[in-house]
Amino acid sequence: MAKQYFGLRGKALNAALIWAVILPAFLSFGYFNAAAGQLLELNSWTETFPSIDASTVAASDQTHVSILQGTVVATYNLGALFGSMSCIWIGDRLGRIRTMTIGASVSVIGIIIQASSFSLAQLIVGRVVMGLGLGMVAATAPTWQSECSTAEHRGAIVILESVFISLGICIAGWLVFGLSFVQDNSVAWRFPLAIQGLMIGSLAVSAPWWPESPRWLLRHGREQEAKEVISALRDLPMDSEQLILEVAEMEGAVELLASGRFRDLLHNGNQWLFHRTVLAIIAGSFQQLCGINALAPYVSLILKEYFHLNATDSRIVAACLFTFQTLCSPIGVFTVDRVGRRKLFMFASIGMGGSMAIVAGLVSQTQNDSALEAAIAFIYIFFACFPIGALGITFLYGSEVAPLNARVPITAISVTGLWATNFLVAEVSPLGFANIQYRYFIVWACVNLCGFLPAFYFLFPETNGRHLEQIDEIFLRSKSIFDPVRIEKRLPRGTAIGQALRSDLEKQTAAAAEHRE
């Protein structure tokens, strides 16, 4: 009898995995990213942490306070960076489910420390610990979800993460706005920080009860468990021909690709591991280097400084921006398996880069109210493009281009790149706005249009509609970094690893082993 989970199978089980694991994981991701930056203007916050209050210092000290503000916001990203890096070594040892459970539990501990803070040092420690746990979750959940999903719907299911992240950011914006009316009480900032524990804590409680990745189980010799998981996920009998074929395809990939080591990622070899790692890093970094983290955590401050809005109006506009982003997020869900990953990447880089360039020009007209109103409209366009082609899709692509033997380390490295750039942008943005002002928007326009757009066009093969094992074949056939895009366009869909290619790969693997000896 195939194993069941709370009596759920097939579509019902897959839906439960989304709501019980992916929702709390990425709702927390979005909320954690947005909450702290929205608290910087609250009176009760600055009374508790006066050293990061920019309104009470002399002009000569503004730079120092801006750096300190950025550091406090960014320490969470620093913790997440180390959390995701840890998955490079422990992710495949512990398994997907156990890693997420431990990560969520660590985050809850950090949230308790943070929400009970009475000093800046305690706050920073709490944020680092909270980030450490979420980094483990964010590095593992996309891999687990992509390995449990079918090729036909993998994109839409994984990119739901962007909807949940946007929803988390939206909740943070409106919650902080509502509590800003009780500014003289520390509950105005302690409650928004503490409520995070319920989100990520639900994941720590529920994750152990759900199925492990079938590909991870096969790699560790647990074939019967893997068959039971696939049977439950696809709602197939254990003797189903479809189940047997799917297991055989996975086993073929395990047999050919399961002998990897971390140092193999540092050179290409016959699997093009280094190139695939770089693609995953670029995809992960795009999420933050597009400029979103220069806007989202500080949007209320930016609206006050450059658009001359009062504190209440700036928080309302900020919350509306986050709501608009959430409403635009489902567009990515409905298009990622129709349009494809590569085109959405390019659409987002053009839309966000163009918006940043126009905002820079309009904001420079400080006395022109019409120009400032138009600039707000283009910020809305930026927030629309971001979830469609730069949010959940970055997690998806990094896990898709990685082979089974290196999927967790490559995905972890990709998410590490995301957190590293997240930390960098959060750290330097207050300083950037303080020193070069509206010209800071131009930086992000150039990064999108001159950096990411050509990279997506020339280097990123389309992965839409292909089994993870078929994506391996694209890279196994490549001879240069530009080949994967060309080969993907010519390679028919619906084919597993061919026998000739299997034989060639076995010969290359054997030759490489002899060379190492």
Protein backbone atom coordinates (compact mmCIF):
# COMPACT_ATOMS: atom_id res chain seq x y z
CA MET A 1 0.00 0.00 0.00
CA ALA A 2 1.46 3.36 -1.07
CA LYS A 3 2.12 5.85 1.68
CA GLN A 4 -0.40 8.65 2.23
CA TYR A 5 -0.19 11.98 4.05
CA PHE A 6 -3.27 12.83 6.14
CA GLY A 7 -5.20 10.81 3.57
CA LEU A 8 -4.22 13.23 0.79
CA ARG A 9 -3.03 12.18 -2.66
CA GLY A 10 -2.51 13.74 -6.08
CA LYS A 11 -3.78 17.28 -6.54
CA ALA A 12 -5.01 17.52 -2.96
CA LEU A 13 -1.59 16.56 -1.60
CA ASN A 14 0.25 18.96 -3.92
CA ALA A 15 -2.07 21.78 -2.86
CA ALA A 16 -1.48 20.95 0.80
CA LEU A 17 2.30 21.14 0.29
CA ILE A 18 1.91 24.64 -1.13
CA TRP A 19 -0.28 25.94 1.70
CA ALA A 20 1.46 24.16 4.58
CA VAL A 21 5.12 24.59 3.54
CA ILE A 22 5.68 27.04 0.68
CA LEU A 23 3.19 29.65 1.89
CA PRO A 24 4.67 30.14 5.39
CA ALA A 25 8.25 29.87 4.06
CA PHE A 26 7.94 32.63 1.48
CA LEU A 27 5.35 34.73 3.29
CA SER A 28 8.04 34.97 5.98
CA PHE A 29 10.66 35.76 3.34
CA GLY A 30 8.73 38.80 2.10
CA TYR A 31 7.66 39.96 5.53
CA PHE A 32 11.16 39.68 7.01
CA ASN A 33 12.59 41.71 4.12
CA ALA A 34 10.15 44.59 4.46
CA ALA A 35 9.26 44.92 8.15
CA ALA A 36 12.40 46.41 9.74
CA GLY A 37 12.93 49.12 7.14
CA GLN A 38 9.36 50.35 7.68
CA LEU A 39 9.97 50.82 11.43
CA LEU A 40 12.82 53.33 11.20
CA GLU A 41 10.55 56.38 11.53
CA LEU A 42 8.47 55.23 14.53
CA ASN A 43 8.97 57.30 17.70
CA SER A 44 8.97 54.25 19.97
CA TRP A 45 11.63 52.64 17.75
CA THR A 46 13.97 55.63 17.83
CA GLU A 47 13.43 56.03 21.58
CA THR A 48 14.57 52.44 22.14
CA PHE A 49 17.44 52.69 19.61
CA PRO A 50 18.45 56.39 19.57
CA SER A 51 21.79 55.72 17.86
CA ILE A 52 19.99 55.04 14.55
CA ASP A 53 17.71 58.08 14.70
CA ALA A 54 18.73 60.30 11.77
CA SER A 55 16.36 63.13 12.75
CA THR A 56 18.29 64.13 15.89
CA VAL A 57 21.88 64.25 14.61
CA ALA A 58 23.88 67.01 13.03
CA ALA A 59 24.37 67.09 9.27
CA SER A 60 27.99 66.01 9.69
CA ASP A 61 26.82 62.78 11.37
CA GLN A 62 24.15 61.89 8.82
CA THR A 63 26.48 59.61 6.86
CA HIS A 64 27.39 57.64 10.00
CA VAL A 65 23.73 57.20 10.99
CA SER A 66 22.80 56.20 7.42
CA ILE A 67 25.45 53.48 7.51
CA LEU A 68 24.21 52.28 10.90
CA GLN A 69 20.60 52.18 9.69
CA GLY A 70 21.62 50.14 6.68
CA THR A 71 23.63 47.77 8.87
CA VAL A 72 20.73 47.11 11.24
CA VAL A 73 18.37 46.36 8.36
CA ALA A 74 20.99 44.30 6.49
CA THR A 75 22.24 42.09 9.35
CA TYR A 76 19.26 39.83 8.78
CA ASN A 77 20.50 39.35 5.20
CA LEU A 78 23.97 38.58 6.50
CA GLY A 79 22.57 35.82 8.71
CA ALA A 80 20.55 34.48 5.79
CA LEU A 81 23.70 34.42 3.66
CA PHE A 82 25.44 32.11 6.13
CA GLY A 83 22.26 30.03 6.52
CA SER A 84 22.03 29.39 2.79
CA MET A 85 25.78 28.70 2.59
CA SER A 86 25.43 26.02 5.26
CA CYS A 87 23.11 24.10 2.95
CA ILE A 88 26.02 23.55 0.56
CA TRP A 89 27.36 21.02 3.06
CA ILE A 90 24.39 19.92 5.15
CA GLY A 91 21.52 20.09 2.67
CA ASP A 92 22.14 16.73 1.02
CA ARG A 93 23.09 15.07 4.28
CA LEU A 94 19.99 16.06 6.22
CA GLY A 95 17.47 15.99 3.40
CA ARG A 96 15.10 18.72 2.23
CA ILE A 97 12.44 18.32 4.93
CA ARG A 98 14.79 18.13 7.90
CA THR A 99 16.80 21.16 6.69
CA MET A 100 13.64 23.27 6.40
CA THR A 101 12.44 22.17 9.84
CA ILE A 102 15.73 23.10 11.51
CA GLY A 103 15.91 26.41 9.63
CA ALA A 104 12.38 27.42 10.63
CA SER A 105 13.09 26.55 14.28
CA VAL A 106 16.26 28.65 14.30
CA SER A 107 14.31 31.58 12.83
CA VAL A 108 11.76 31.42 15.64
CA ILE A 109 14.58 31.70 18.21
CA GLY A 110 15.94 34.77 16.40
CA ILE A 111 12.49 36.37 16.29
CA ILE A 112 12.08 35.96 20.06
CA ILE A 113 15.47 37.61 20.68
CA GLN A 114 14.67 40.44 18.26
CA ALA A 115 11.16 41.24 19.44
CA SER A 116 12.29 41.39 23.08
CA SER A 117 15.21 43.73 22.36
CA PHE A 118 16.13 46.58 24.68
CA SER A 119 19.50 47.34 23.09
CA LEU A 120 20.86 47.68 19.59
CA ALA A 121 23.25 44.75 20.15
CA GLN A 122 20.39 42.41 21.11
CA LEU A 123 18.39 43.55 18.08
CA ILE A 124 21.30 42.83 15.74
CA VAL A 125 21.91 39.37 17.24
CA GLY A 126 18.22 38.52 16.89
CA ARG A 127 18.19 39.61 13.25
CA VAL A 128 21.30 37.56 12.44
CA VAL A 129 19.85 34.41 14.04
CA MET A 130 16.48 34.95 12.36
CA GLY A 131 18.19 35.36 9.00
CA LEU A 132 20.35 32.28 9.57
CA GLY A 133 17.26 30.09 9.83
CA LEU A 134 15.38 31.67 6.93
CA GLY A 135 18.47 31.33 4.74
CA MET A 136 18.35 27.56 5.26
CA VAL A 137 14.65 27.49 4.39
CA ALA A 138 14.97 29.71 1.31
CA ALA A 139 17.88 27.67 -0.05
CA THR A 140 16.02 24.36 0.35
CA ALA A 141 12.32 24.98 -0.33
CA PRO A 142 12.63 25.76 -4.09
CA THR A 143 14.69 22.60 -4.63
CA TRP A 144 12.24 20.46 -2.67
CA GLN A 145 9.26 21.90 -4.51
CA SER A 146 10.78 21.58 -7.99
CA GLU A 147 11.80 17.97 -7.28
CA CYS A 148 8.27 17.10 -6.17
CA SER A 149 6.52 18.84 -9.11
CA THR A 150 5.83 17.62 -12.65
CA ALA A 151 7.59 19.29 -15.59
CA GLU A 152 4.31 20.61 -17.03
CA HIS A 153 3.37 22.64 -13.95
CA ARG A 154 6.70 23.04 -12.14
CA GLY A 155 7.12 26.68 -13.19
CA ALA A 156 3.68 27.86 -12.11
CA ILE A 157 3.85 25.99 -8.81
CA VAL A 158 7.32 27.21 -7.87
CA ILE A 159 6.68 30.79 -8.98
CA LEU A 160 3.76 30.92 -6.55
CA GLU A 161 6.58 31.80 -4.19
CA SER A 162 6.59 35.29 -5.72
CA VAL A 163 2.91 35.71 -4.80
CA PHE A 164 3.60 34.70 -1.21
CA ILE A 165 6.70 36.91 -0.93
CA SER A 166 4.74 39.88 -2.26
CA LEU A 167 1.89 39.13 0.13
CA GLY A 168 4.35 39.09 3.03
CA ILE A 169 5.73 42.48 2.00
CA CYS A 170 2.16 43.81 1.66
CA ILE A 171 1.18 42.58 5.13
CA ALA A 172 4.29 44.24 6.60
CA GLY A 173 3.45 47.56 4.96
CA TRP A 174 -0.15 47.74 6.16
CA LEU A 175 0.59 46.35 9.63
CA VAL A 176 3.34 48.91 10.26
CA PHE A 177 1.07 51.66 8.93
CA GLY A 178 -1.74 50.66 11.29
CA LEU A 179 0.52 50.42 14.33
CA SER A 180 2.20 53.73 13.52
CA PHE A 181 -0.78 55.41 15.21
CA VAL A 182 0.36 54.00 18.58
CA GLN A 183 3.88 55.38 18.23
CA ASP A 184 4.49 56.09 21.90
CA ASN A 185 4.15 52.42 22.81
CA SER A 186 6.84 49.87 21.95
CA VAL A 187 4.11 47.48 20.79
CA ALA A 188 4.16 49.54 17.57
CA TRP A 189 7.44 47.83 16.59
CA ARG A 190 7.57 44.77 18.87
CA PHE A 191 4.33 43.28 17.54
CA PRO A 192 5.34 43.51 13.82
CA LEU A 193 8.58 41.75 14.69
CA ALA A 194 6.98 39.12 16.94
CA ILE A 195 4.17 38.18 14.54
CA GLN A 196 6.84 36.77 12.23
CA GLY A 197 7.20 33.84 14.65
CA LEU A 198 3.70 32.57 13.82
CA MET A 199 4.46 32.54 10.09
CA ILE A 200 7.74 30.66 10.15
CA GLY A 201 6.80 28.69 13.28
CA SER A 202 3.93 27.00 11.45
CA LEU A 203 6.48 25.66 8.96
CA ALA A 204 8.64 24.21 11.75
CA VAL A 205 5.59 22.34 13.07
CA SER A 206 4.16 21.07 9.78
CA ALA A 207 7.22 20.26 7.62
CA PRO A 208 8.13 16.90 9.24
CA TRP A 209 4.73 15.48 8.30
CA TRP A 210 5.10 15.98 4.54
CA PRO A 211 6.91 13.87 1.89
CA GLU A 212 10.65 14.05 1.27
CA SER A 213 11.96 14.74 -2.24
CA PRO A 214 11.78 11.50 -4.28
CA ARG A 215 15.01 12.37 -6.07
CA TRP A 216 16.83 12.81 -2.74
CA LEU A 217 15.44 9.47 -1.54
CA LEU A 218 16.65 7.69 -4.69
CA ARG A 219 20.08 9.22 -4.36
CA HIS A 220 20.32 7.81 -0.83
CA GLY A 221 19.20 4.33 -1.85
CA ARG A 222 15.66 4.56 -0.46
CA GLU A 223 13.92 3.40 -3.63
CA GLN A 224 10.76 2.04 -2.02
CA GLU A 225 10.12 5.30 -0.14
CA ALA A 226 10.73 7.26 -3.35
CA LYS A 227 8.15 5.16 -5.19
CA GLU A 228 5.64 5.68 -2.40
CA VAL A 229 6.18 9.46 -2.51
CA ILE A 230 5.78 9.60 -6.31
CA SER A 231 2.70 7.38 -6.05
CA ALA A 232 1.16 9.79 -3.55
CA LEU A 233 2.17 12.97 -5.42
CA ARG A 234 0.90 11.73 -8.80
CA ASP A 235 -1.99 9.65 -7.36
CA LEU A 236 -0.77 6.54 -9.19
CA PRO A 237 -0.86 2.88 -8.17
CA MET A 238 2.51 1.42 -7.21
CA ASP A 239 2.56 -0.83 -10.30
CA SER A 240 1.64 1.99 -12.70
CA GLU A 241 3.68 2.11 -15.92
CA GLN A 242 3.92 5.91 -15.65
CA LEU A 243 5.34 5.64 -12.12
CA ILE A 244 7.84 2.96 -13.20
CA LEU A 245 9.02 5.11 -16.14
CA GLU A 246 9.38 8.22 -13.99
CA VAL A 247 11.37 6.34 -11.36
CA ALA A 248 13.56 4.79 -14.07
CA GLU A 249 14.34 8.24 -15.51
CA MET A 250 15.24 9.58 -12.09
CA GLU A 251 17.38 6.52 -11.35
CA GLY A 252 19.19 6.99 -14.66
CA ALA A 253 20.10 10.54 -13.68
CA VAL A 254 21.17 9.39 -10.22
CA GLU A 255 23.36 6.66 -11.71
CA LEU A 256 25.08 9.04 -14.13
CA LEU A 257 25.30 12.19 -12.05
CA ALA A 258 25.39 11.16 -8.39
CA SER A 259 29.17 11.14 -7.86
CA GLY A 260 29.74 14.88 -7.52
CA ARG A 261 31.87 16.82 -5.04
CA PHE A 262 31.69 20.47 -4.05
CA ARG A 263 35.04 21.29 -5.65
CA ASP A 264 33.67 19.99 -8.96
CA LEU A 265 31.54 23.16 -9.07
CA LEU A 266 34.72 25.19 -9.53
CA HIS A 267 35.36 23.83 -13.03
CA ASN A 268 33.10 22.83 -15.90
CA GLY A 269 33.92 19.20 -16.65
CA ASN A 270 31.58 17.28 -18.94
CA GLN A 271 28.53 18.48 -16.96
CA TRP A 272 29.43 22.21 -17.22
CA LEU A 273 28.99 22.56 -13.48
CA PHE A 274 30.82 25.86 -13.08
CA HIS A 275 28.82 27.46 -15.89
CA ARG A 276 25.57 26.18 -14.41
CA THR A 277 26.61 27.50 -10.99
CA VAL A 278 27.30 30.94 -12.50
CA LEU A 279 23.88 30.96 -14.20
CA ALA A 280 22.22 30.13 -10.88
CA ILE A 281 24.19 32.91 -9.12
CA ILE A 282 23.21 35.45 -11.79
CA ALA A 283 19.56 34.42 -11.50
CA GLY A 284 19.63 34.68 -7.69
CA SER A 285 21.47 38.01 -7.70
CA PHE A 286 19.02 39.48 -10.22
CA GLN A 287 16.31 39.44 -7.57
CA GLN A 288 18.18 42.04 -5.51
CA LEU A 289 20.53 43.77 -7.96
CA CYS A 290 17.53 44.83 -10.05
CA GLY A 291 17.11 47.55 -7.40
CA ILE A 292 14.14 46.29 -5.43
CA ASN A 293 16.02 46.25 -2.13
CA ALA A 294 17.03 49.85 -2.68
CA LEU A 295 13.32 50.71 -2.74
CA ALA A 296 11.23 48.27 -0.68
CA PRO A 297 12.83 48.61 2.79
CA TYR A 298 13.20 52.39 2.52
CA VAL A 299 10.25 53.37 0.36
CA SER A 300 8.57 55.44 3.11
CA LEU A 301 11.77 57.42 3.68
CA ILE A 302 12.25 57.90 -0.07
CA LEU A 303 8.71 59.20 -0.48
CA LYS A 304 9.22 61.70 2.34
CA GLU A 305 12.62 62.86 1.12
CA TYR A 306 12.13 63.08 -2.65
CA PHE A 307 8.37 63.35 -3.08
CA HIS A 308 7.69 65.68 -0.15
CA LEU A 309 4.97 63.49 1.40
CA ASN A 310 4.24 63.58 5.13
CA ALA A 311 4.84 60.50 7.29
CA THR A 312 1.26 59.19 7.09
CA ASP A 313 0.88 59.69 3.34
CA SER A 314 4.26 58.10 2.65
CA ARG A 315 3.29 54.97 4.61
CA ILE A 316 -0.05 54.76 2.78
CA VAL A 317 1.62 55.05 -0.64
CA ALA A 318 4.24 52.48 0.41
CA ALA A 319 1.57 50.01 1.55
CA CYS A 320 -0.33 50.60 -1.71
CA LEU A 321 2.83 49.86 -3.68
CA PHE A 322 3.24 46.55 -1.88
CA THR A 323 -0.44 45.74 -2.46
CA PHE A 324 -0.05 46.52 -6.16
CA GLN A 325 2.98 44.22 -6.33
CA THR A 326 0.94 41.43 -4.73
CA LEU A 327 -1.88 41.90 -7.25
CA CYS A 328 0.61 41.73 -10.14
CA SER A 329 2.33 38.58 -8.84
CA PRO A 330 -0.22 36.09 -10.25
CA ILE A 331 0.64 37.31 -13.76
CA GLY A 332 3.96 35.50 -13.38
CA VAL A 333 2.18 32.33 -12.23
CA PHE A 334 -0.03 32.27 -15.35
CA THR A 335 2.72 33.16 -17.84
CA VAL A 336 5.84 31.32 -16.65
CA ASP A 337 4.79 27.99 -18.21
CA ARG A 338 3.38 29.68 -21.31
CA VAL A 339 5.90 32.42 -22.09
CA GLY A 340 8.89 30.73 -20.45
CA ARG A 341 11.56 31.74 -17.96
CA ARG A 342 14.00 33.45 -20.34
CA LYS A 343 11.49 35.87 -21.86
CA LEU A 344 10.15 36.85 -18.44
CA PHE A 345 13.69 37.55 -17.24
CA MET A 346 14.26 39.87 -20.20
CA PHE A 347 10.87 41.54 -19.83
CA ALA A 348 11.55 42.32 -16.19
CA SER A 349 15.06 43.67 -16.80
CA ILE A 350 13.78 46.01 -19.54
CA GLY A 351 10.76 47.13 -17.52
CA MET A 352 12.63 47.74 -14.27
CA GLY A 353 15.69 49.28 -15.93
CA GLY A 354 13.58 51.65 -18.01
CA SER A 355 11.48 52.61 -14.99
CA MET A 356 14.55 53.40 -12.89
CA ALA A 357 16.01 55.59 -15.65
CA ILE A 358 12.77 57.55 -16.04
CA VAL A 359 12.33 57.92 -12.26
CA ALA A 360 15.84 59.37 -12.01
CA GLY A 361 15.05 61.99 -14.64
CA LEU A 362 11.68 62.94 -13.14
CA VAL A 363 12.85 63.06 -9.52
CA SER A 364 15.64 65.46 -10.50
CA GLN A 365 12.87 68.04 -11.13
CA THR A 366 12.38 68.64 -7.42
CA GLN A 367 10.05 71.64 -7.80
CA ASN A 368 7.86 70.11 -10.50
CA ASP A 369 4.88 68.40 -8.86
CA SER A 370 3.70 66.86 -12.13
CA ALA A 371 7.12 65.27 -12.68
CA LEU A 372 7.10 63.83 -9.15
CA GLU A 373 3.61 62.39 -9.64
CA ALA A 374 4.76 60.77 -12.90
CA ALA A 375 7.79 59.36 -11.08
CA ILE A 376 5.48 57.63 -8.58
CA ALA A 377 3.63 56.07 -11.54
CA PHE A 378 6.89 54.60 -12.86
CA ILE A 379 7.75 53.26 -9.42
CA TYR A 380 4.44 51.41 -9.64
CA ILE A 381 5.53 50.02 -13.03
CA PHE A 382 8.79 48.87 -11.44
CA PHE A 383 6.86 47.10 -8.67
CA ALA A 384 4.67 45.42 -11.33
CA CYS A 385 7.61 44.08 -13.38
CA PHE A 386 9.50 42.77 -10.35
CA PRO A 387 7.19 39.90 -9.28
CA ILE A 388 6.48 38.90 -12.88
CA GLY A 389 10.06 38.26 -13.93
CA ALA A 390 12.47 38.70 -11.04
CA LEU A 391 11.03 37.23 -7.85
CA GLY A 392 9.92 33.59 -7.64
CA ILE A 393 11.39 32.81 -11.05
CA THR A 394 14.94 33.28 -9.71
CA PHE A 395 14.44 30.46 -7.19
CA LEU A 396 12.92 28.29 -9.91
CA TYR A 397 15.68 28.73 -12.48
CA GLY A 398 18.55 28.10 -10.08
CA SER A 399 17.08 24.75 -9.04
CA GLU A 400 16.26 23.77 -12.64
CA VAL A 401 19.71 24.26 -14.21
CA ALA A 402 21.46 22.28 -11.46
CA PRO A 403 22.05 18.50 -11.94
CA LEU A 404 20.85 16.13 -9.24
CA ASN A 405 24.30 15.54 -7.74
CA ALA A 406 24.80 19.29 -7.26
CA ARG A 407 21.23 20.60 -7.02
CA VAL A 408 21.32 21.51 -3.34
CA PRO A 409 24.82 23.09 -3.38
CA ILE A 410 24.13 25.04 -6.58
CA THR A 411 20.72 26.19 -5.34
CA ALA A 412 22.31 27.10 -2.00
CA ILE A 413 25.04 29.08 -3.80
CA SER A 414 22.37 30.82 -5.89
CA VAL A 415 20.42 31.80 -2.77
CA THR A 416 23.70 32.79 -1.10
CA GLY A 417 24.28 35.17 -4.01
CA LEU A 418 20.78 36.53 -3.46
CA TRP A 419 21.43 37.16 0.24
CA ALA A 420 24.92 38.60 -0.41
CA THR A 421 23.52 41.14 -2.86
CA ASN A 422 20.53 41.71 -0.57
CA PHE A 423 22.93 42.60 2.25
CA LEU A 424 25.05 44.78 -0.04
CA VAL A 425 22.10 46.76 -1.41
CA ALA A 426 20.43 47.20 2.00
CA GLU A 427 23.76 48.32 3.48
CA VAL A 428 24.73 50.88 0.83
CA SER A 429 21.31 52.25 -0.18
CA PRO A 430 20.92 54.77 2.69
CA LEU A 431 24.45 55.97 1.91
CA GLY A 432 23.75 56.06 -1.82
CA PHE A 433 20.63 58.19 -1.46
CA ALA A 434 22.40 60.45 1.05
CA ASN A 435 25.39 61.12 -1.24
CA ILE A 436 24.32 60.94 -4.88
CA GLN A 437 20.57 61.36 -4.29
CA TYR A 438 18.36 60.82 -7.38
CA ARG A 439 21.39 59.64 -9.40
CA TYR A 440 21.29 56.46 -7.33
CA PHE A 441 18.32 55.34 -9.46
CA ILE A 442 20.56 55.52 -12.56
CA VAL A 443 22.85 52.87 -11.05
CA TRP A 444 20.02 50.32 -11.05
CA ALA A 445 18.90 51.30 -14.55
CA CYS A 446 22.40 50.49 -15.85
CA VAL A 447 22.63 47.22 -13.91
CA ASN A 448 19.35 46.01 -15.45
CA LEU A 449 19.79 47.19 -19.03
CA CYS A 450 23.55 46.83 -19.50
CA GLY A 451 24.23 43.86 -17.22
CA PHE A 452 21.34 41.45 -16.78
CA LEU A 453 19.54 41.90 -20.12
CA PRO A 454 22.46 40.75 -22.33
CA ALA A 455 23.28 37.92 -19.88
CA PHE A 456 19.72 36.55 -20.11
CA TYR A 457 19.69 36.78 -23.90
CA PHE A 458 23.03 35.14 -24.65
CA LEU A 459 23.59 32.73 -21.74
CA PHE A 460 20.27 31.50 -20.31
CA PRO A 461 18.65 28.47 -22.01
CA GLU A 462 14.90 28.06 -21.70
CA THR A 463 13.92 25.37 -19.17
CA ASN A 464 10.16 25.58 -19.56
CA GLY A 465 8.34 22.28 -20.05
CA ARG A 466 11.39 20.04 -19.68
CA HIS A 467 12.04 17.36 -17.10
CA LEU A 468 15.00 18.14 -14.88
CA GLU A 469 16.86 15.26 -16.49
CA GLN A 470 16.27 16.74 -19.96
CA ILE A 471 17.80 20.04 -18.84
CA ASP A 472 20.92 18.08 -17.92
CA GLU A 473 21.15 16.88 -21.53
CA ILE A 474 21.22 20.47 -22.83
CA PHE A 475 24.40 21.16 -20.89
CA LEU A 476 25.93 17.74 -21.53
CA ARG A 477 25.77 18.48 -25.27
CA SER A 478 27.32 21.96 -24.94
CA LYS A 479 30.85 22.88 -25.99
CA SER A 480 30.86 26.59 -25.04
CA ILE A 481 29.00 28.93 -22.68
CA PHE A 482 26.84 30.13 -25.60
CA ASP A 483 25.80 26.63 -26.73
CA PRO A 484 23.02 25.91 -24.18
CA VAL A 485 20.70 28.57 -25.66
CA ARG A 486 21.22 27.22 -29.20
CA ILE A 487 20.96 23.55 -28.22
CA GLU A 488 17.80 24.09 -26.18
CA LYS A 489 16.04 25.55 -29.21
CA ARG A 490 16.90 22.48 -31.31
CA LEU A 491 16.45 19.71 -28.74
CA PRO A 492 12.96 18.11 -28.94
CA ARG A 493 10.89 18.17 -25.78
CA GLY A 494 9.73 14.99 -24.07
CA THR A 495 12.96 13.03 -24.51
CA ALA A 496 14.89 11.51 -21.63
CA ILE A 497 18.68 11.16 -21.64
CA GLY A 498 19.52 9.34 -24.88
CA GLN A 499 21.41 6.06 -24.93
CA ALA A 500 24.23 7.47 -27.07
CA LEU A 501 24.61 10.43 -24.74
CA ARG A 502 24.45 8.11 -21.73
CA SER A 503 27.30 6.03 -23.18
CA ASP A 504 29.33 9.16 -23.95
CA LEU A 505 28.81 10.52 -20.45
CA GLU A 506 29.83 7.22 -18.87
CA LYS A 507 33.06 7.22 -20.88
CA GLN A 508 33.83 10.83 -19.92
CA THR A 509 33.08 10.15 -16.26
CA ALA A 510 35.33 7.08 -16.26
CA ALA A 511 38.12 9.02 -17.96
CA ALA A 512 37.81 11.84 -15.43
CA ALA A 513 37.98 9.33 -12.57
CA GLU A 514 41.14 7.75 -14.02
CA HIS A 515 42.68 11.19 -14.43
CA ARG A 516 41.99 12.03 -10.75
CA GLU A 517 43.60 8.79 -9.69
